[in-house]
Amino acid sequence: MMLPTYHFLGMRVQPMTNKDVLDTIEHIVAAPAKNSILGNHNLHSLYLLQRTPLMQRFYQENTYTHVDGMSMVLLGQLLGIPLTRDHRTTYLNWFEDFLRMAAEKHWRIYFIGGPQSMIDLIPDTLLPRFPGLQLRAHHGFDEIAARTTVYKEIEEFQPHVILSGMGMPRQERWILEARNHITTHVFLPCGAALEYLMGLQKAPPRWIGQLGFEWLYRLLTRPKTLYRRYLIEPLFLMPSILREFTRRKPLVEQ
């Protein structure tokens, strides 16, 4: 896939629409290269990127990185990056279409994340919505070690796509370690996307995200869990954002 790459605030991103994300996944699955990573960026990941060597390594190894957050779109626009609302490609906007496409193309999907109680609900709550979907799942509390049974299960299943839904930065740490032991076409760090799709968490209305207020909806529904992410972390990002504005020249890599 030929997508322009922009560098700002220490990030490297490829602007994608929802269709671009799906086309990119399809392109990766069809390509001979293995163990690609399709990452994503929002304010929380930017905060972790600036403070965590592991996340710096993760994003360096991403094959593609899309924008998951209207705040990133707005900052990019202010810095002269040609981002639009259509480039906010959060999982909730395209995940159903991805699973439908996976079922149609007979891709094998492996999901790791969530508690066992969630995994037990998948056959009754998720699979009937996507006839023919080949999906296996494992809870997200297994040890990340060579002796884990997950690696063996994955190698036997030979998935085209692996979804890691453990939240940042645990899911990214798992992907980096798993790439040393298993082979797939592409890893997708998907957070709580599957939980939202299954109705285990209440998903924000999609129009709120387009207006840039999905963060507020999440904060009001889960204040104890998310107050630091949405109210404290942005304050720590202000110095780097202000420094970026003094440069005011986006870097583009074709």
Protein backbone atom coordinates (compact mmCIF):
# COMPACT_ATOMS: atom_id res chain seq x y z
CA MET A 1 0.00 0.00 0.00
CA MET A 2 1.34 3.42 -1.00
CA LEU A 3 0.26 5.82 1.73
CA PRO A 4 1.90 9.13 2.66
CA THR A 5 3.67 9.08 6.01
CA TYR A 6 3.72 12.11 8.30
CA HIS A 7 5.94 12.76 11.31
CA PHE A 8 4.78 15.04 14.10
CA LEU A 9 4.95 15.05 17.89
CA GLY A 10 7.37 12.13 17.69
CA MET A 11 4.80 10.00 15.86
CA ARG A 12 4.83 8.45 12.43
CA VAL A 13 1.35 7.98 10.98
CA GLN A 14 -0.31 7.16 7.68
CA PRO A 15 -3.65 8.96 7.27
CA MET A 16 -6.30 6.36 6.50
CA THR A 17 -10.05 6.32 6.10
CA ASN A 18 -12.02 3.35 7.40
CA LYS A 19 -11.90 1.86 3.91
CA ASP A 20 -8.15 2.42 3.78
CA VAL A 21 -7.73 0.47 7.02
CA LEU A 22 -9.67 -2.49 5.63
CA ASP A 23 -7.83 -2.31 2.31
CA THR A 24 -4.51 -2.21 4.18
CA ILE A 25 -5.36 -5.31 6.21
CA GLU A 26 -6.42 -7.10 3.04
CA HIS A 27 -3.17 -6.04 1.35
CA ILE A 28 -1.07 -7.30 4.27
CA VAL A 29 -2.85 -10.66 4.41
CA ALA A 30 -2.29 -11.14 0.68
CA ALA A 31 1.39 -10.18 0.84
CA PRO A 32 4.20 -12.68 1.47
CA ALA A 33 5.65 -10.71 4.41
CA LYS A 34 4.76 -11.99 7.86
CA ASN A 35 4.23 -10.53 11.34
CA SER A 36 3.27 -7.04 10.24
CA ILE A 37 1.77 -4.68 12.80
CA LEU A 38 -1.06 -2.23 12.14
CA GLY A 39 -0.85 0.15 15.09
CA ASN A 40 -2.82 3.24 16.00
CA HIS A 41 -2.22 6.54 17.78
CA ASN A 42 -4.24 8.68 20.17
CA LEU A 43 -3.32 11.03 23.02
CA HIS A 44 -2.85 8.14 25.44
CA SER A 45 -0.46 6.32 23.12
CA LEU A 46 1.43 9.58 22.52
CA TYR A 47 1.85 9.98 26.28
CA LEU A 48 3.15 6.42 26.58
CA LEU A 49 5.37 6.85 23.52
CA GLN A 50 7.16 9.78 25.13
CA ARG A 51 7.76 7.92 28.39
CA THR A 52 8.09 4.22 27.62
CA PRO A 53 10.96 2.63 25.69
CA LEU A 54 8.75 -0.37 25.00
CA MET A 55 6.18 1.79 23.22
CA GLN A 56 8.92 3.58 21.29
CA ARG A 57 10.11 0.20 20.06
CA PHE A 58 6.57 -0.90 19.26
CA TYR A 59 5.85 2.08 17.05
CA GLN A 60 9.23 1.80 15.35
CA GLU A 61 8.27 -1.74 14.34
CA ASN A 62 4.77 -0.83 13.11
CA THR A 63 4.27 -1.47 9.42
CA TYR A 64 1.45 1.09 9.35
CA THR A 65 -0.03 3.36 12.02
CA HIS A 66 -3.47 4.92 11.66
CA VAL A 67 -5.00 7.76 13.67
CA ASP A 68 -7.34 6.72 16.50
CA GLY A 69 -8.47 9.96 18.08
CA MET A 70 -9.98 13.26 16.99
CA SER A 71 -7.42 15.06 19.16
CA MET A 72 -4.68 13.72 16.87
CA VAL A 73 -6.59 14.94 13.82
CA LEU A 74 -7.00 18.43 15.28
CA LEU A 75 -3.36 18.68 16.36
CA GLY A 76 -2.25 17.48 12.96
CA GLN A 77 -4.40 20.09 11.22
CA LEU A 78 -2.98 22.87 13.40
CA LEU A 79 0.51 21.71 12.49
CA GLY A 80 -0.22 21.72 8.77
CA ILE A 81 -0.79 17.96 8.35
CA PRO A 82 -3.62 17.27 5.84
CA LEU A 83 -5.80 15.24 8.22
CA THR A 84 -9.60 15.25 8.12
CA ARG A 85 -12.36 13.80 10.27
CA ASP A 86 -12.42 10.81 7.94
CA HIS A 87 -8.89 9.97 9.08
CA ARG A 88 -10.08 9.25 12.62
CA THR A 89 -10.27 5.49 12.23
CA THR A 90 -11.10 4.14 15.66
CA TYR A 91 -11.89 0.41 15.84
CA LEU A 92 -15.57 0.94 16.56
CA ASN A 93 -15.91 2.57 13.15
CA TRP A 94 -14.65 -0.37 11.07
CA PHE A 95 -14.36 -3.45 13.29
CA GLU A 96 -17.70 -4.99 12.28
CA ASP A 97 -16.83 -4.58 8.61
CA PHE A 98 -13.47 -6.20 9.30
CA LEU A 99 -15.05 -9.28 10.91
CA ARG A 100 -17.57 -9.50 8.07
CA MET A 101 -14.75 -9.31 5.54
CA ALA A 102 -12.76 -11.93 7.45
CA ALA A 103 -15.73 -14.30 7.33
CA GLU A 104 -16.24 -13.75 3.60
CA LYS A 105 -12.57 -14.29 2.82
CA HIS A 106 -12.29 -17.30 5.14
CA TRP A 107 -9.55 -15.71 7.23
CA ARG A 108 -8.67 -17.32 10.51
CA ILE A 109 -8.74 -14.83 13.39
CA TYR A 110 -7.17 -15.38 16.81
CA PHE A 111 -8.09 -13.09 19.68
CA ILE A 112 -6.24 -12.82 22.98
CA GLY A 113 -7.56 -10.56 25.72
CA GLY A 114 -10.26 -10.10 28.33
CA PRO A 115 -11.27 -12.49 31.11
CA GLN A 116 -12.31 -16.10 30.58
CA SER A 117 -15.92 -15.13 31.28
CA MET A 118 -15.83 -12.93 28.18
CA ILE A 119 -14.23 -15.64 26.04
CA ASP A 120 -16.97 -18.06 27.09
CA LEU A 121 -19.63 -15.70 25.68
CA ILE A 122 -18.14 -15.46 22.18
CA PRO A 123 -19.91 -18.52 20.66
CA ASP A 124 -23.36 -17.22 21.62
CA THR A 125 -22.98 -13.45 21.37
CA LEU A 126 -20.51 -12.84 18.57
CA LEU A 127 -20.22 -15.73 16.14
CA PRO A 128 -23.96 -15.82 15.21
CA ARG A 129 -23.61 -12.23 13.93
CA PHE A 130 -20.83 -13.19 11.52
CA PRO A 131 -21.70 -16.51 9.86
CA GLY A 132 -18.65 -18.45 8.80
CA LEU A 133 -16.22 -16.44 10.94
CA GLN A 134 -13.29 -18.63 11.97
CA LEU A 135 -12.32 -17.19 15.33
CA ARG A 136 -10.54 -18.70 18.28
CA ALA A 137 -9.91 -16.85 21.50
CA HIS A 138 -7.92 -17.03 24.71
CA HIS A 139 -8.18 -14.91 27.84
CA GLY A 140 -5.60 -12.18 28.33
CA PHE A 141 -4.13 -13.36 31.59
CA ASP A 142 -1.76 -16.02 30.32
CA GLU A 143 1.91 -15.59 31.10
CA ILE A 144 4.07 -14.13 28.37
CA ALA A 145 6.64 -16.89 28.40
CA ALA A 146 7.95 -19.57 26.08
CA ARG A 147 6.00 -22.21 28.01
CA THR A 148 2.63 -20.56 27.45
CA THR A 149 0.07 -22.71 25.64
CA VAL A 150 -1.10 -19.72 23.59
CA TYR A 151 1.84 -19.89 21.21
CA LYS A 152 1.20 -23.55 20.50
CA GLU A 153 -2.50 -22.95 19.94
CA ILE A 154 -1.75 -20.11 17.53
CA GLU A 155 0.79 -22.09 15.53
CA GLU A 156 -1.69 -24.97 15.19
CA PHE A 157 -4.51 -22.60 14.14
CA GLN A 158 -2.29 -20.61 11.71
CA PRO A 159 -4.34 -17.40 11.89
CA HIS A 160 -4.22 -14.74 9.23
CA VAL A 161 -4.84 -12.02 11.83
CA ILE A 162 -4.14 -11.87 15.57
CA LEU A 163 -6.13 -9.42 17.70
CA SER A 164 -4.50 -8.40 20.98
CA GLY A 165 -7.09 -6.77 23.23
CA MET A 166 -5.42 -6.11 26.57
CA GLY A 167 -5.24 -2.32 26.66
CA MET A 168 -2.12 -0.18 26.31
CA PRO A 169 0.70 -0.91 26.84
CA ARG A 170 0.12 -4.57 27.74
CA GLN A 171 -1.23 -5.57 24.33
CA GLU A 172 1.75 -3.95 22.60
CA ARG A 173 4.17 -5.73 24.94
CA TRP A 174 2.47 -9.04 24.14
CA ILE A 175 2.74 -8.43 20.40
CA LEU A 176 6.45 -7.63 20.57
CA GLU A 177 7.14 -10.77 22.57
CA ALA A 178 4.81 -13.01 20.55
CA ARG A 179 6.50 -12.10 17.28
CA ASN A 180 9.55 -14.00 18.52
CA HIS A 181 7.56 -17.22 18.87
CA ILE A 182 4.72 -17.30 16.33
CA THR A 183 3.94 -16.37 12.74
CA THR A 184 0.88 -14.61 11.34
CA HIS A 185 0.18 -12.04 8.65
CA VAL A 186 -0.73 -9.09 10.86
CA PHE A 187 -1.16 -8.16 14.51
CA LEU A 188 -3.90 -5.70 15.46
CA PRO A 189 -3.81 -4.10 18.95
CA CYS A 190 -7.56 -3.71 19.38
CA GLY A 191 -8.11 -2.67 23.00
CA ALA A 192 -11.69 -3.25 24.13
CA ALA A 193 -13.15 -3.38 20.60
CA LEU A 194 -14.47 -6.91 21.02
CA GLU A 195 -16.04 -6.10 24.39
CA TYR A 196 -17.88 -3.14 22.86
CA LEU A 197 -19.04 -5.24 19.94
CA MET A 198 -20.34 -7.93 22.28
CA GLY A 199 -22.18 -5.38 24.41
CA LEU A 200 -20.04 -5.98 27.49
CA GLN A 201 -19.14 -2.29 27.51
CA LYS A 202 -21.46 0.45 26.34
CA ALA A 203 -20.11 1.93 23.13
CA PRO A 204 -20.23 5.72 22.65
CA PRO A 205 -22.58 6.90 19.89
CA ARG A 206 -20.53 7.20 16.73
CA TRP A 207 -21.60 10.82 16.05
CA ILE A 208 -20.00 11.90 19.33
CA GLY A 209 -16.63 10.71 18.12
CA GLN A 210 -16.90 12.71 14.90
CA LEU A 211 -17.52 15.84 16.97
CA GLY A 212 -14.45 15.13 19.09
CA PHE A 213 -16.25 14.38 22.37
CA GLU A 214 -15.98 10.62 22.63
CA TRP A 215 -13.36 11.10 25.34
CA LEU A 216 -15.90 13.03 27.43
CA TYR A 217 -18.50 10.28 27.04
CA ARG A 218 -15.98 7.69 28.17
CA LEU A 219 -14.84 9.86 31.09
CA LEU A 220 -18.40 10.37 32.32
CA THR A 221 -19.20 6.66 32.12
CA ARG A 222 -15.91 5.47 33.68
CA PRO A 223 -14.48 8.40 35.67
CA LYS A 224 -12.39 6.43 38.17
CA THR A 225 -10.70 4.41 35.41
CA LEU A 226 -10.16 7.13 32.85
CA TYR A 227 -9.73 10.43 34.69
CA ARG A 228 -5.94 10.26 34.55
CA ARG A 229 -5.89 9.44 30.84
CA TYR A 230 -8.18 12.29 29.84
CA LEU A 231 -7.47 14.97 32.47
CA ILE A 232 -3.88 14.44 33.65
CA GLU A 233 -1.90 12.94 30.77
CA PRO A 234 -2.68 15.79 28.33
CA LEU A 235 -1.07 18.25 30.77
CA PHE A 236 2.21 16.33 30.55
CA LEU A 237 2.03 16.52 26.75
CA MET A 238 1.72 20.30 26.60
CA PRO A 239 5.49 21.07 26.55
CA SER A 240 6.13 18.79 23.57
CA ILE A 241 3.04 20.11 21.77
CA LEU A 242 4.19 23.71 22.28
CA ARG A 243 7.68 22.85 21.02
CA GLU A 244 6.16 21.29 17.92
CA PHE A 245 4.19 24.46 17.21
CA THR A 246 7.40 26.50 17.21
CA ARG A 247 8.70 24.33 14.35
CA ARG A 248 5.44 24.43 12.35
CA LYS A 249 6.83 22.37 9.50
CA PRO A 250 5.39 18.88 9.05
CA LEU A 251 7.71 16.17 7.87
CA VAL A 252 6.35 13.96 5.11
CA GLU A 253 7.84 10.74 3.85
CA GLN A 254 6.46 9.38 0.57
